[in-house]
Amino acid sequence: MYYIYNLYSAGSNLYYLGNTDNPVRRLHEHNSSPFNTYTSKHRTCVLKSYFQCGPSESDATKLEQFIKKQKSRKLIEQLCDKNFVPTGF
């Protein structure tokens, strides 16, 4: 099963969206990777939310790209809200 996950860096006040088959493992990788990456500059990140996309990585990637194309911090913050129900897609 693949998931869209949403990380937040309080120190930088930034969100990061990605997809994976294991959100908890991926959070650990973001916070401990020795490589120079986008999230390595904004540590420490916390896992704000994640949700199932289905069994296909390509479907998760398409949904991730769709959300990122919206360029909407408000949408990403809504995805962190347990009561948010997306409509109009």
PDB file of N, CA and C in Angstrom:
ATOM      1  N   MET A   1       0.839  -1.179   0.000  1.00  0.00           N
ATOM      2  CA  MET A   1       0.000   0.000   0.000  1.00  0.00           C
ATOM      3  C   MET A   1       0.886   1.244   0.000  1.00  0.00           C
ATOM      4  N   TYR A   2       0.517   2.222  -0.792  1.00  0.00           N
ATOM      5  CA  TYR A   2       1.268   3.480  -0.865  1.00  0.00           C
ATOM      6  C   TYR A   2       0.473   4.607  -0.216  1.00  0.00           C
ATOM      7  N   TYR A   3       1.224   5.555   0.324  1.00  0.00           N
ATOM      8  CA  TYR A   3       0.658   6.658   1.085  1.00  0.00           C
ATOM      9  C   TYR A   3       1.230   7.985   0.604  1.00  0.00           C
ATOM     10  N   ILE A   4       0.440   9.031   0.737  1.00  0.00           N
ATOM     11  CA  ILE A   4       0.924  10.406   0.650  1.00  0.00           C
ATOM     12  C   ILE A   4       1.201  10.818   2.090  1.00  0.00           C
ATOM     13  N   TYR A   5       2.366  11.401   2.333  1.00  0.00           N
ATOM     14  CA  TYR A   5       2.680  11.843   3.699  1.00  0.00           C
ATOM     15  C   TYR A   5       3.037  13.319   3.677  1.00  0.00           C
ATOM     16  N   ASN A   6       2.816  13.945   4.812  1.00  0.00           N
ATOM     17  CA  ASN A   6       3.002  15.381   4.958  1.00  0.00           C
ATOM     18  C   ASN A   6       3.894  15.628   6.173  1.00  0.00           C
ATOM     19  N   LEU A   7       5.073  16.189   5.938  1.00  0.00           N
ATOM     20  CA  LEU A   7       5.998  16.527   7.022  1.00  0.00           C
ATOM     21  C   LEU A   7       5.934  18.025   7.288  1.00  0.00           C
ATOM     22  N   TYR A   8       6.254  18.393   8.524  1.00  0.00           N
ATOM     23  CA  TYR A   8       6.302  19.808   8.892  1.00  0.00           C
ATOM     24  C   TYR A   8       7.559  20.094   9.693  1.00  0.00           C
ATOM     25  N   SER A   9       8.218  21.188   9.335  1.00  0.00           N
ATOM     26  CA  SER A   9       9.385  21.671  10.065  1.00  0.00           C
ATOM     27  C   SER A   9       8.977  22.938  10.801  1.00  0.00           C
ATOM     28  N   ALA A  10       8.882  22.853  12.124  1.00  0.00           N
ATOM     29  CA  ALA A  10       8.500  24.022  12.921  1.00  0.00           C
ATOM     30  C   ALA A  10       9.574  25.105  12.854  1.00  0.00           C
ATOM     31  N   GLY A  11      10.839  24.703  12.837  1.00  0.00           N
ATOM     32  CA  GLY A  11      11.931  25.670  12.789  1.00  0.00           C
ATOM     33  C   GLY A  11      11.929  26.517  11.527  1.00  0.00           C
ATOM     34  N   SER A  12      11.516  25.930  10.421  1.00  0.00           N
ATOM     35  CA  SER A  12      11.475  26.637   9.136  1.00  0.00           C
ATOM     36  C   SER A  12      10.058  27.024   8.730  1.00  0.00           C
ATOM     37  N   ASN A  13       9.062  26.538   9.474  1.00  0.00           N
ATOM     38  CA  ASN A  13       7.658  26.774   9.144  1.00  0.00           C
ATOM     39  C   ASN A  13       7.346  26.339   7.708  1.00  0.00           C
ATOM     40  N   LEU A  14       7.813  25.132   7.348  1.00  0.00           N
ATOM     41  CA  LEU A  14       7.620  24.601   6.000  1.00  0.00           C
ATOM     42  C   LEU A  14       7.007  23.212   6.045  1.00  0.00           C
ATOM     43  N   TYR A  15       6.225  22.924   4.989  1.00  0.00           N
ATOM     44  CA  TYR A  15       5.664  21.594   4.791  1.00  0.00           C
ATOM     45  C   TYR A  15       6.419  20.902   3.666  1.00  0.00           C
ATOM     46  N   TYR A  16       6.430  19.583   3.729  1.00  0.00           N
ATOM     47  CA  TYR A  16       7.015  18.763   2.669  1.00  0.00           C
ATOM     48  C   TYR A  16       6.055  17.614   2.402  1.00  0.00           C
ATOM     49  N   LEU A  17       5.740  17.396   1.148  1.00  0.00           N
ATOM     50  CA  LEU A  17       4.814  16.348   0.753  1.00  0.00           C
ATOM     51  C   LEU A  17       5.564  15.293  -0.043  1.00  0.00           C
ATOM     52  N   GLY A  18       5.282  14.022   0.223  1.00  0.00           N
ATOM     53  CA  GLY A  18       5.918  12.945  -0.515  1.00  0.00           C
ATOM     54  C   GLY A  18       5.032  11.718  -0.541  1.00  0.00           C
ATOM     55  N   ASN A  19       5.529  10.638  -1.151  1.00  0.00           N
ATOM     56  CA  ASN A  19       4.794   9.377  -1.130  1.00  0.00           C
ATOM     57  C   ASN A  19       5.754   8.243  -0.822  1.00  0.00           C
ATOM     58  N   THR A  20       5.217   7.194  -0.209  1.00  0.00           N
ATOM     59  CA  THR A  20       6.031   6.075   0.233  1.00  0.00           C
ATOM     60  C   THR A  20       5.135   4.884   0.548  1.00  0.00           C
ATOM     61  N   ASP A  21       5.757   3.738   0.751  1.00  0.00           N
ATOM     62  CA  ASP A  21       5.011   2.575   1.217  1.00  0.00           C
ATOM     63  C   ASP A  21       5.119   2.425   2.740  1.00  0.00           C
ATOM     64  N   ASN A  22       5.902   3.310   3.398  1.00  0.00           N
ATOM     65  CA  ASN A  22       6.069   3.240   4.849  1.00  0.00           C
ATOM     66  C   ASN A  22       6.354   4.654   5.397  1.00  0.00           C
ATOM     67  N   PRO A  23       5.311   5.400   5.784  1.00  0.00           N
ATOM     68  CA  PRO A  23       5.507   6.789   6.221  1.00  0.00           C
ATOM     69  C   PRO A  23       6.412   6.952   7.448  1.00  0.00           C
ATOM     70  N   VAL A  24       6.349   6.049   8.402  1.00  0.00           N
ATOM     71  CA  VAL A  24       7.166   6.175   9.615  1.00  0.00           C
ATOM     72  C   VAL A  24       8.651   5.986   9.281  1.00  0.00           C
ATOM     73  N   ARG A  25       8.945   4.991   8.461  1.00  0.00           N
ATOM     74  CA  ARG A  25      10.335   4.775   8.029  1.00  0.00           C
ATOM     75  C   ARG A  25      10.833   5.981   7.247  1.00  0.00           C
ATOM     76  N   ARG A  26       9.975   6.507   6.397  1.00  0.00           N
ATOM     77  CA  ARG A  26      10.379   7.647   5.560  1.00  0.00           C
ATOM     78  C   ARG A  26      10.669   8.886   6.409  1.00  0.00           C
ATOM     79  N   LEU A  27       9.879   9.108   7.446  1.00  0.00           N
ATOM     80  CA  LEU A  27      10.142  10.220   8.365  1.00  0.00           C
ATOM     81  C   LEU A  27      11.518  10.062   8.990  1.00  0.00           C
ATOM     82  N   HIS A  28      11.824   8.872   9.451  1.00  0.00           N
ATOM     83  CA  HIS A  28      13.141   8.608  10.045  1.00  0.00           C
ATOM     84  C   HIS A  28      14.253   8.898   9.028  1.00  0.00           C
ATOM     85  N   GLU A  29      14.055   8.490   7.787  1.00  0.00           N
ATOM     86  CA  GLU A  29      15.068   8.744   6.750  1.00  0.00           C
ATOM     87  C   GLU A  29      15.259  10.238   6.513  1.00  0.00           C
ATOM     88  N   HIS A  30      14.163  10.995   6.487  1.00  0.00           N
ATOM     89  CA  HIS A  30      14.275  12.445   6.296  1.00  0.00           C
ATOM     90  C   HIS A  30      15.065  13.095   7.432  1.00  0.00           C
ATOM     91  N   ASN A  31      14.850  12.625   8.644  1.00  0.00           N
ATOM     92  CA  ASN A  31      15.492  13.239   9.802  1.00  0.00           C
ATOM     93  C   ASN A  31      16.905  12.745  10.066  1.00  0.00           C
ATOM     94  N   SER A  32      17.321  11.671   9.416  1.00  0.00           N
ATOM     95  CA  SER A  32      18.640  11.120   9.741  1.00  0.00           C
ATOM     96  C   SER A  32      19.552  10.909   8.531  1.00  0.00           C
ATOM     97  N   SER A  33      19.098  11.225   7.353  1.00  0.00           N
ATOM     98  CA  SER A  33      19.919  11.010   6.160  1.00  0.00           C
ATOM     99  C   SER A  33      21.195  11.849   6.206  1.00  0.00           C
ATOM    100  N   PRO A  34      22.342  11.236   5.887  1.00  0.00           N
ATOM    101  CA  PRO A  34      23.595  11.998   5.893  1.00  0.00           C
ATOM    102  C   PRO A  34      23.769  12.852   4.629  1.00  0.00           C
ATOM    103  N   PHE A  35      22.854  12.713   3.667  1.00  0.00           N
ATOM    104  CA  PHE A  35      22.982  13.443   2.408  1.00  0.00           C
ATOM    105  C   PHE A  35      22.370  14.835   2.502  1.00  0.00           C
ATOM    106  N   ASN A  36      22.827  15.720   1.645  1.00  0.00           N
ATOM    107  CA  ASN A  36      22.324  17.081   1.578  1.00  0.00           C
ATOM    108  C   ASN A  36      21.044  17.081   0.740  1.00  0.00           C
ATOM    109  N   THR A  37      19.905  17.139   1.417  1.00  0.00           N
ATOM    110  CA  THR A  37      18.612  17.105   0.739  1.00  0.00           C
ATOM    111  C   THR A  37      17.783  18.314   1.157  1.00  0.00           C
ATOM    112  N   TYR A  38      16.630  18.476   0.531  1.00  0.00           N
ATOM    113  CA  TYR A  38      15.741  19.583   0.889  1.00  0.00           C
ATOM    114  C   TYR A  38      15.371  19.516   2.365  1.00  0.00           C
ATOM    115  N   THR A  39      14.941  18.347   2.821  1.00  0.00           N
ATOM    116  CA  THR A  39      14.497  18.254   4.214  1.00  0.00           C
ATOM    117  C   THR A  39      15.660  18.272   5.205  1.00  0.00           C
ATOM    118  N   SER A  40      16.869  17.919   4.772  1.00  0.00           N
ATOM    119  CA  SER A  40      18.002  17.953   5.699  1.00  0.00           C
ATOM    120  C   SER A  40      18.297  19.382   6.144  1.00  0.00           C
ATOM    121  N   LYS A  41      17.937  20.349   5.332  1.00  0.00           N
ATOM    122  CA  LYS A  41      18.157  21.762   5.673  1.00  0.00           C
ATOM    123  C   LYS A  41      17.102  22.280   6.647  1.00  0.00           C
ATOM    124  N   HIS A  42      16.029  21.505   6.835  1.00  0.00           N
ATOM    125  CA  HIS A  42      14.896  21.970   7.642  1.00  0.00           C
ATOM    126  C   HIS A  42      14.559  20.993   8.771  1.00  0.00           C
ATOM    127  N   ARG A  43      15.558  20.303   9.275  1.00  0.00           N
ATOM    128  CA  ARG A  43      15.312  19.347  10.354  1.00  0.00           C
ATOM    129  C   ARG A  43      15.012  20.083  11.644  1.00  0.00           C
ATOM    130  N   THR A  44      14.296  19.567  12.491  1.00  0.00           N
ATOM    131  CA  THR A  44      13.694  18.252  12.566  1.00  0.00           C
ATOM    132  C   THR A  44      12.258  18.330  12.060  1.00  0.00           C
ATOM    133  N   CYS A  45      11.880  17.354  11.267  1.00  0.00           N
ATOM    134  CA  CYS A  45      10.522  17.282  10.718  1.00  0.00           C
ATOM    135  C   CYS A  45       9.670  16.354  11.570  1.00  0.00           C
ATOM    136  N   VAL A  46       8.370  16.649  11.578  1.00  0.00           N
ATOM    137  CA  VAL A  46       7.399  15.766  12.225  1.00  0.00           C
ATOM    138  C   VAL A  46       6.389  15.325  11.185  1.00  0.00           C
ATOM    139  N   LEU A  47       5.847  14.146  11.366  1.00  0.00           N
ATOM    140  CA  LEU A  47       4.836  13.604  10.458  1.00  0.00           C
ATOM    141  C   LEU A  47       3.485  14.187  10.858  1.00  0.00           C
ATOM    142  N   LYS A  48       2.963  15.097  10.037  1.00  0.00           N
ATOM    143  CA  LYS A  48       1.699  15.760  10.344  1.00  0.00           C
ATOM    144  C   LYS A  48       0.507  14.916   9.920  1.00  0.00           C
ATOM    145  N   SER A  49       0.615  14.226   8.780  1.00  0.00           N
ATOM    146  CA  SER A  49      -0.491  13.407   8.307  1.00  0.00           C
ATOM    147  C   SER A  49       0.001  12.466   7.226  1.00  0.00           C
ATOM    148  N   TYR A  50      -0.773  11.432   7.004  1.00  0.00           N
ATOM    149  CA  TYR A  50      -0.560  10.559   5.857  1.00  0.00           C
ATOM    150  C   TYR A  50      -1.869   9.844   5.564  1.00  0.00           C
ATOM    151  N   PHE A  51      -2.061   9.468   4.298  1.00  0.00           N
ATOM    152  CA  PHE A  51      -3.271   8.758   3.928  1.00  0.00           C
ATOM    153  C   PHE A  51      -2.991   7.814   2.772  1.00  0.00           C
ATOM    154  N   GLN A  52      -3.778   6.747   2.735  1.00  0.00           N
ATOM    155  CA  GLN A  52      -3.609   5.713   1.715  1.00  0.00           C
ATOM    156  C   GLN A  52      -3.997   6.235   0.340  1.00  0.00           C
ATOM    157  N   CYS A  53      -3.199   5.813  -0.658  1.00  0.00           N
ATOM    158  CA  CYS A  53      -3.507   6.151  -2.048  1.00  0.00           C
ATOM    159  C   CYS A  53      -3.869   4.913  -2.854  1.00  0.00           C
ATOM    160  N   GLY A  54      -3.443   3.754  -2.389  1.00  0.00           N
ATOM    161  CA  GLY A  54      -3.712   2.513  -3.103  1.00  0.00           C
ATOM    162  C   GLY A  54      -2.455   1.684  -3.258  1.00  0.00           C
ATOM    163  N   PRO A  55      -2.558   0.560  -3.968  1.00  0.00           N
ATOM    164  CA  PRO A  55      -1.430  -0.366  -4.078  1.00  0.00           C
ATOM    165  C   PRO A  55      -0.374   0.047  -5.103  1.00  0.00           C
ATOM    166  N   SER A  56      -0.651   1.070  -5.888  1.00  0.00           N
ATOM    167  CA  SER A  56       0.242   1.454  -6.984  1.00  0.00           C
ATOM    168  C   SER A  56       1.064   2.696  -6.636  1.00  0.00           C
ATOM    169  N   GLU A  57       2.386   2.585  -6.770  1.00  0.00           N
ATOM    170  CA  GLU A  57       3.250   3.742  -6.539  1.00  0.00           C
ATOM    171  C   GLU A  57       2.964   4.844  -7.559  1.00  0.00           C
ATOM    172  N   SER A  58       2.643   4.465  -8.782  1.00  0.00           N
ATOM    173  CA  SER A  58       2.389   5.476  -9.813  1.00  0.00           C
ATOM    174  C   SER A  58       1.143   6.296  -9.485  1.00  0.00           C
ATOM    175  N   ASP A  59       0.112   5.683  -8.899  1.00  0.00           N
ATOM    176  CA  ASP A  59      -1.074   6.435  -8.489  1.00  0.00           C
ATOM    177  C   ASP A  59      -0.731   7.412  -7.370  1.00  0.00           C
ATOM    178  N   ALA A  60       0.087   6.968  -6.421  1.00  0.00           N
ATOM    179  CA  ALA A  60       0.505   7.846  -5.325  1.00  0.00           C
ATOM    180  C   ALA A  60       1.318   9.017  -5.862  1.00  0.00           C
ATOM    181  N   THR A  61       2.191   8.756  -6.818  1.00  0.00           N
ATOM    182  CA  THR A  61       3.007   9.819  -7.412  1.00  0.00           C
ATOM    183  C   THR A  61       2.132  10.818  -8.157  1.00  0.00           C
ATOM    184  N   LYS A  62       1.137  10.343  -8.884  1.00  0.00           N
ATOM    185  CA  LYS A  62       0.228  11.245  -9.608  1.00  0.00           C
ATOM    186  C   LYS A  62      -0.540  12.135  -8.647  1.00  0.00           C
ATOM    187  N   LEU A  63      -1.018  11.554  -7.542  1.00  0.00           N
ATOM    188  CA  LEU A  63      -1.746  12.350  -6.560  1.00  0.00           C
ATOM    189  C   LEU A  63      -0.825  13.361  -5.883  1.00  0.00           C
ATOM    190  N   GLU A  64       0.378  12.932  -5.550  1.00  0.00           N
ATOM    191  CA  GLU A  64       1.361  13.846  -4.958  1.00  0.00           C
ATOM    192  C   GLU A  64       1.625  15.023  -5.892  1.00  0.00           C
ATOM    193  N   GLN A  65       1.845  14.745  -7.166  1.00  0.00           N
ATOM    194  CA  GLN A  65       2.116  15.807  -8.135  1.00  0.00           C
ATOM    195  C   GLN A  65       0.915  16.739  -8.292  1.00  0.00           C
ATOM    196  N   PHE A  66      -0.293  16.165  -8.266  1.00  0.00           N
ATOM    197  CA  PHE A  66      -1.492  16.995  -8.357  1.00  0.00           C
ATOM    198  C   PHE A  66      -1.561  17.976  -7.194  1.00  0.00           C
ATOM    199  N   ILE A  67      -1.340  17.474  -5.978  1.00  0.00           N
ATOM    200  CA  ILE A  67      -1.400  18.329  -4.789  1.00  0.00           C
ATOM    201  C   ILE A  67      -0.322  19.408  -4.873  1.00  0.00           C
ATOM    202  N   LYS A  68       0.886  19.042  -5.277  1.00  0.00           N
ATOM    203  CA  LYS A  68       1.979  20.021  -5.371  1.00  0.00           C
ATOM    204  C   LYS A  68       1.697  21.076  -6.436  1.00  0.00           C
ATOM    205  N   LYS A  69       1.049  20.697  -7.527  1.00  0.00           N
ATOM    206  CA  LYS A  69       0.736  21.656  -8.592  1.00  0.00           C
ATOM    207  C   LYS A  69      -0.255  22.718  -8.139  1.00  0.00           C
ATOM    208  N   GLN A  70      -1.023  22.413  -7.096  1.00  0.00           N
ATOM    209  CA  GLN A  70      -1.979  23.394  -6.585  1.00  0.00           C
ATOM    210  C   GLN A  70      -1.266  24.581  -5.951  1.00  0.00           C
ATOM    211  N   LYS A  71      -0.010  24.367  -5.537  1.00  0.00           N
ATOM    212  CA  LYS A  71       0.797  25.415  -4.896  1.00  0.00           C
ATOM    213  C   LYS A  71       0.003  26.112  -3.785  1.00  0.00           C
ATOM    214  N   SER A  72      -0.631  25.290  -2.960  1.00  0.00           N
ATOM    215  CA  SER A  72      -1.514  25.830  -1.938  1.00  0.00           C
ATOM    216  C   SER A  72      -1.122  25.326  -0.553  1.00  0.00           C
ATOM    217  N   ARG A  73      -0.577  26.220   0.231  1.00  0.00           N
ATOM    218  CA  ARG A  73      -0.264  25.880   1.621  1.00  0.00           C
ATOM    219  C   ARG A  73      -1.554  25.563   2.370  1.00  0.00           C
ATOM    220  N   LYS A  74      -2.620  26.290   2.030  1.00  0.00           N
ATOM    221  CA  LYS A  74      -3.907  26.063   2.679  1.00  0.00           C
ATOM    222  C   LYS A  74      -4.376  24.624   2.454  1.00  0.00           C
ATOM    223  N   LEU A  75      -4.247  24.116   1.239  1.00  0.00           N
ATOM    224  CA  LEU A  75      -4.639  22.740   0.948  1.00  0.00           C
ATOM    225  C   LEU A  75      -3.803  21.762   1.767  1.00  0.00           C
ATOM    226  N   ILE A  76      -2.502  21.983   1.814  1.00  0.00           N
ATOM    227  CA  ILE A  76      -1.628  21.082   2.574  1.00  0.00           C
ATOM    228  C   ILE A  76      -1.986  21.118   4.063  1.00  0.00           C
ATOM    229  N   GLU A  77      -2.303  22.305   4.590  1.00  0.00           N
ATOM    230  CA  GLU A  77      -2.722  22.396   5.986  1.00  0.00           C
ATOM    231  C   GLU A  77      -4.062  21.697   6.199  1.00  0.00           C
ATOM    232  N   GLN A  78      -4.964  21.784   5.219  1.00  0.00           N
ATOM    233  CA  GLN A  78      -6.246  21.089   5.323  1.00  0.00           C
ATOM    234  C   GLN A  78      -6.047  19.580   5.346  1.00  0.00           C
ATOM    235  N   LEU A  79      -5.063  19.096   4.612  1.00  0.00           N
ATOM    236  CA  LEU A  79      -4.792  17.663   4.588  1.00  0.00           C
ATOM    237  C   LEU A  79      -4.320  17.151   5.953  1.00  0.00           C
ATOM    238  N   CYS A  80      -3.851  18.061   6.804  1.00  0.00           N
ATOM    239  CA  CYS A  80      -3.432  17.702   8.162  1.00  0.00           C
ATOM    240  C   CYS A  80      -4.621  17.626   9.119  1.00  0.00           C
ATOM    241  N   ASP A  81      -5.739  18.184   8.714  1.00  0.00           N
ATOM    242  CA  ASP A  81      -6.937  18.239   9.553  1.00  0.00           C
ATOM    243  C   ASP A  81      -7.730  16.942   9.406  1.00  0.00           C
ATOM    244  N   LYS A  82      -7.922  16.230  10.504  1.00  0.00           N
ATOM    245  CA  LYS A  82      -8.637  14.949  10.480  1.00  0.00           C
ATOM    246  C   LYS A  82     -10.078  15.099  10.004  1.00  0.00           C
ATOM    247  N   ASN A  83     -10.666  16.279  10.159  1.00  0.00           N
ATOM    248  CA  ASN A  83     -12.054  16.503   9.797  1.00  0.00           C
ATOM    249  C   ASN A  83     -12.224  16.995   8.357  1.00  0.00           C
ATOM    250  N   PHE A  84     -11.141  17.247   7.656  1.00  0.00           N
ATOM    251  CA  PHE A  84     -11.209  17.759   6.290  1.00  0.00           C
ATOM    252  C   PHE A  84     -11.671  16.657   5.334  1.00  0.00           C
ATOM    253  N   VAL A  85     -12.667  17.000   4.507  1.00  0.00           N
ATOM    254  CA  VAL A  85     -13.152  16.081   3.480  1.00  0.00           C
ATOM    255  C   VAL A  85     -13.024  16.795   2.139  1.00  0.00           C
ATOM    256  N   PRO A  86     -12.104  16.324   1.262  1.00  0.00           N
ATOM    257  CA  PRO A  86     -11.924  16.991  -0.029  1.00  0.00           C
ATOM    258  C   PRO A  86     -13.167  16.823  -0.904  1.00  0.00           C
ATOM    259  N   THR A  87     -13.534  17.903  -1.574  1.00  0.00           N
ATOM    260  CA  THR A  87     -14.672  17.866  -2.495  1.00  0.00           C
ATOM    261  C   THR A  87     -14.300  18.618  -3.755  1.00  0.00           C
ATOM    262  N   GLY A  88     -15.061  18.412  -4.799  1.00  0.00           N
ATOM    263  CA  GLY A  88     -14.885  19.174  -6.031  1.00  0.00           C
ATOM    264  C   GLY A  88     -13.775  18.713  -6.926  1.00  0.00           C
ATOM    265  N   PHE A  89     -13.301  17.483  -6.774  1.00  0.00           N
ATOM    266  CA  PHE A  89     -12.228  16.989  -7.633  1.00  0.00           C
ATOM    267  C   PHE A  89     -12.800  16.280  -8.822  1.00  0.00           C
TER     268      PHE A  89
END
